[in-house]
Protein backbone atom coordinates (compact mmCIF):
# COMPACT_ATOMS: atom_id res chain seq x y z
CA UNK A 1 124.34 70.19 33.78
CA UNK A 2 122.66 66.96 31.50
CA UNK A 3 120.26 69.96 29.53
CA UNK A 4 119.15 70.87 32.96
CA UNK A 5 118.00 74.43 32.87
CA UNK A 6 117.20 73.49 36.31
CA UNK A 7 118.25 70.66 38.16
CA UNK A 8 115.64 68.73 39.72
CA UNK A 9 117.80 67.41 42.84
CA UNK A 10 120.30 69.79 45.44
CA UNK A 11 124.05 69.94 45.11
CA UNK A 12 125.24 69.54 48.50
CA UNK A 13 129.08 69.63 49.86
CA UNK A 14 129.46 66.70 51.93
CA UNK A 15 129.65 69.13 54.82
CA UNK A 16 126.30 70.62 54.39
CA UNK A 17 125.36 67.07 54.28
CA UNK A 18 126.24 66.32 56.71
CA UNK A 19 124.49 69.03 58.77
CA UNK A 20 121.31 67.75 57.96
CA UNK A 21 122.15 64.58 59.03
CA UNK A 22 122.66 66.01 62.41
CA UNK A 23 120.23 68.83 62.21
CA UNK A 24 117.02 66.62 61.48
CA UNK A 25 118.39 63.62 63.97
CA UNK A 26 118.97 61.42 61.14
CA UNK A 27 122.06 60.72 62.56
CA UNK A 28 122.89 61.31 66.59
CA UNK A 29 126.48 61.66 67.75
CA UNK A 30 127.35 59.76 71.07
CA UNK A 31 128.37 62.33 73.62
CA UNK A 32 130.93 59.61 75.20
CA UNK A 33 132.65 59.67 72.00
CA UNK A 34 132.98 63.04 70.92
CA UNK A 35 136.59 64.64 70.51
CA UNK A 36 138.28 65.19 73.34
CA UNK A 37 141.15 67.62 71.73
CA UNK A 38 140.69 70.96 71.18
CA UNK A 39 139.91 71.19 67.46
CA UNK A 40 140.33 74.31 64.46
CA UNK A 41 138.04 74.73 61.67
CA UNK A 42 139.17 75.58 57.65
CA UNK A 43 136.75 77.17 56.35
CA UNK A 44 136.87 75.92 51.91
CA UNK A 45 137.11 79.68 50.33
CA UNK A 46 134.06 78.30 47.90
CA UNK A 47 131.97 76.72 49.92
CA UNK A 48 131.90 79.09 52.20
CA UNK A 49 132.12 82.11 50.06
CA UNK A 50 129.80 81.02 47.17
CA UNK A 51 127.30 78.82 49.34
CA UNK A 52 126.91 80.48 52.65
CA UNK A 53 128.34 76.76 54.55
CA UNK A 54 130.07 78.28 57.86
CA UNK A 55 127.17 78.36 60.10
CA UNK A 56 126.00 74.78 58.85
CA UNK A 57 130.14 73.65 59.18
CA UNK A 58 130.36 74.95 62.84
CA UNK A 59 126.75 73.21 63.84
CA UNK A 60 128.58 69.98 62.65
CA UNK A 61 132.12 70.63 64.90
CA UNK A 62 129.67 72.22 67.78
CA UNK A 63 128.19 68.78 67.30
CA UNK A 64 130.91 66.28 67.59
CA UNK A 65 133.92 68.41 69.76
CA UNK A 66 134.12 68.84 72.97
CA UNK A 67 136.95 72.11 72.63
CA UNK A 68 136.50 73.53 69.23
CA UNK A 69 138.99 76.89 68.67
CA UNK A 70 137.87 78.87 66.10
CA UNK A 71 140.47 80.68 63.43
CA UNK A 72 140.75 83.97 62.97
CA UNK A 73 139.18 85.90 60.43
CA UNK A 74 137.93 83.31 59.92
CA UNK A 75 134.50 82.25 57.31
CA UNK A 76 134.65 84.34 54.88
CA UNK A 77 137.42 86.02 55.58
CA UNK A 78 139.39 83.33 56.29
CA UNK A 79 142.84 82.50 55.60
CA UNK A 80 143.29 80.24 52.68
CA UNK A 81 144.24 77.07 52.15
CA UNK A 82 146.43 77.59 49.38
CA UNK A 83 145.72 74.67 47.46
CA UNK A 84 142.04 75.32 45.76
CA UNK A 85 141.91 76.02 41.89
CA UNK A 86 143.60 72.77 41.82
CA UNK A 87 146.96 73.92 43.16
CA UNK A 88 146.56 70.89 45.05
CA UNK A 89 147.32 68.39 42.54
CA UNK A 90 150.66 70.28 41.85
CA UNK A 91 153.31 68.32 43.85
CA UNK A 92 156.37 69.98 43.03
CA UNK A 93 155.14 73.48 44.17
CA UNK A 94 153.91 71.78 47.21
CA UNK A 95 156.70 72.99 49.57
CA UNK A 96 157.09 76.57 47.95
CA UNK A 97 153.39 76.65 47.97
CA UNK A 98 153.50 75.89 52.48
CA UNK A 99 156.08 78.39 53.15
CA UNK A 100 154.47 80.53 51.34
CA UNK A 101 151.46 80.22 53.87
CA UNK A 102 152.72 81.65 56.77
CA UNK A 103 150.13 83.38 57.69
CA UNK A 104 147.91 80.26 57.63
CA UNK A 105 150.38 78.05 60.16
CA UNK A 106 150.71 81.68 62.81
CA UNK A 107 146.67 81.37 62.35
CA UNK A 108 146.05 77.40 63.64
CA UNK A 109 149.02 77.94 66.31
CA UNK A 110 147.25 81.01 68.13
CA UNK A 111 144.33 78.32 68.15
CA UNK A 112 146.06 76.06 70.01
CA UNK A 113 144.03 72.95 68.35
CA UNK A 114 145.64 69.93 67.93
CA UNK A 115 143.39 68.73 65.35
CA UNK A 116 142.44 71.07 61.99
CA UNK A 117 138.82 69.75 60.31
CA UNK A 118 139.14 70.47 56.76
CA UNK A 119 135.53 69.95 55.13
CA UNK A 120 137.87 70.08 51.85
CA UNK A 121 139.92 68.00 49.59
CA UNK A 122 142.11 70.41 48.43
CA UNK A 123 141.99 72.10 52.13
CA UNK A 124 143.48 68.65 53.17
CA UNK A 125 145.86 68.74 51.30
CA UNK A 126 146.64 72.22 51.66
CA UNK A 127 146.76 71.99 55.13
CA UNK A 128 149.22 69.08 55.54
CA UNK A 129 151.31 70.39 53.76
CA UNK A 130 151.55 73.53 56.29
CA UNK A 131 151.74 71.49 59.29
CA UNK A 132 154.31 69.72 57.96
CA UNK A 133 156.95 72.28 56.50
CA UNK A 134 155.90 74.32 59.47
CA UNK A 135 156.43 71.30 62.11
CA UNK A 136 153.24 71.97 63.98
CA UNK A 137 152.92 68.88 65.34
CA UNK A 138 149.07 69.22 64.12
CA UNK A 139 147.20 66.31 63.00
CA UNK A 140 144.16 66.54 59.76
CA UNK A 141 140.81 65.88 60.28
CA UNK A 142 137.69 65.65 57.77
CA UNK A 143 134.28 65.46 58.87
CA UNK A 144 133.38 62.18 57.89
CA UNK A 145 136.45 61.13 59.98
CA UNK A 146 134.86 63.05 63.14
CA UNK A 147 131.35 61.56 62.30
CA UNK A 148 132.47 57.75 61.76
CA UNK A 149 134.47 58.15 65.27
CA UNK A 150 131.51 60.15 66.96
CA UNK A 151 127.90 58.92 65.46
CA UNK A 152 125.10 56.07 67.27
CA UNK A 153 125.67 52.79 65.28
CA UNK A 154 121.92 51.71 65.37
CA UNK A 155 121.98 48.56 66.40
CA UNK A 156 119.93 47.02 63.26
CA UNK A 157 123.19 48.38 61.18
CA UNK A 158 125.81 46.94 63.25
CA UNK A 159 128.18 44.27 61.57
CA UNK A 160 127.04 40.96 63.71
CA UNK A 161 130.33 39.52 66.00
CA UNK A 162 130.68 36.22 63.17
CA UNK A 163 131.24 38.67 60.96
CA UNK A 164 133.62 40.57 62.92
CA UNK A 165 135.89 37.94 63.57
CA UNK A 166 136.05 36.20 60.23
């Protein structure tokens, strides 16, 4: 990449970066804003198996949500969302992929969660297809959506009232 044998910077998946922000205290969570509904977490194949981010992702969820219900199997053994490797972009296969992913639908339902958290764009697409096809009545959220809803915004970074009204 760019001719470097070793990159002069670290490459992180956004969920890993959010973990670091929370773990170092650079971002704080308002306990009153934590997600109240039961949530579960889709472990993205590549980031979990290649990068070992499972515990970092669980730390993020436990800091921002009150009722975390892990899927089983999970982490590097979790069932795939069926949308990775570019399959998410093949729209005409959406129903076929979701129909073939009954095991994922059942796995999600067993948790009793109302929200499926997906740290990966492909997983988000795959899980949305599963939710729609199997009529699960759940919603899907990205890490960044949860962070924005639950974080403490320092006063110096808040918009002034006049700016908000315009």
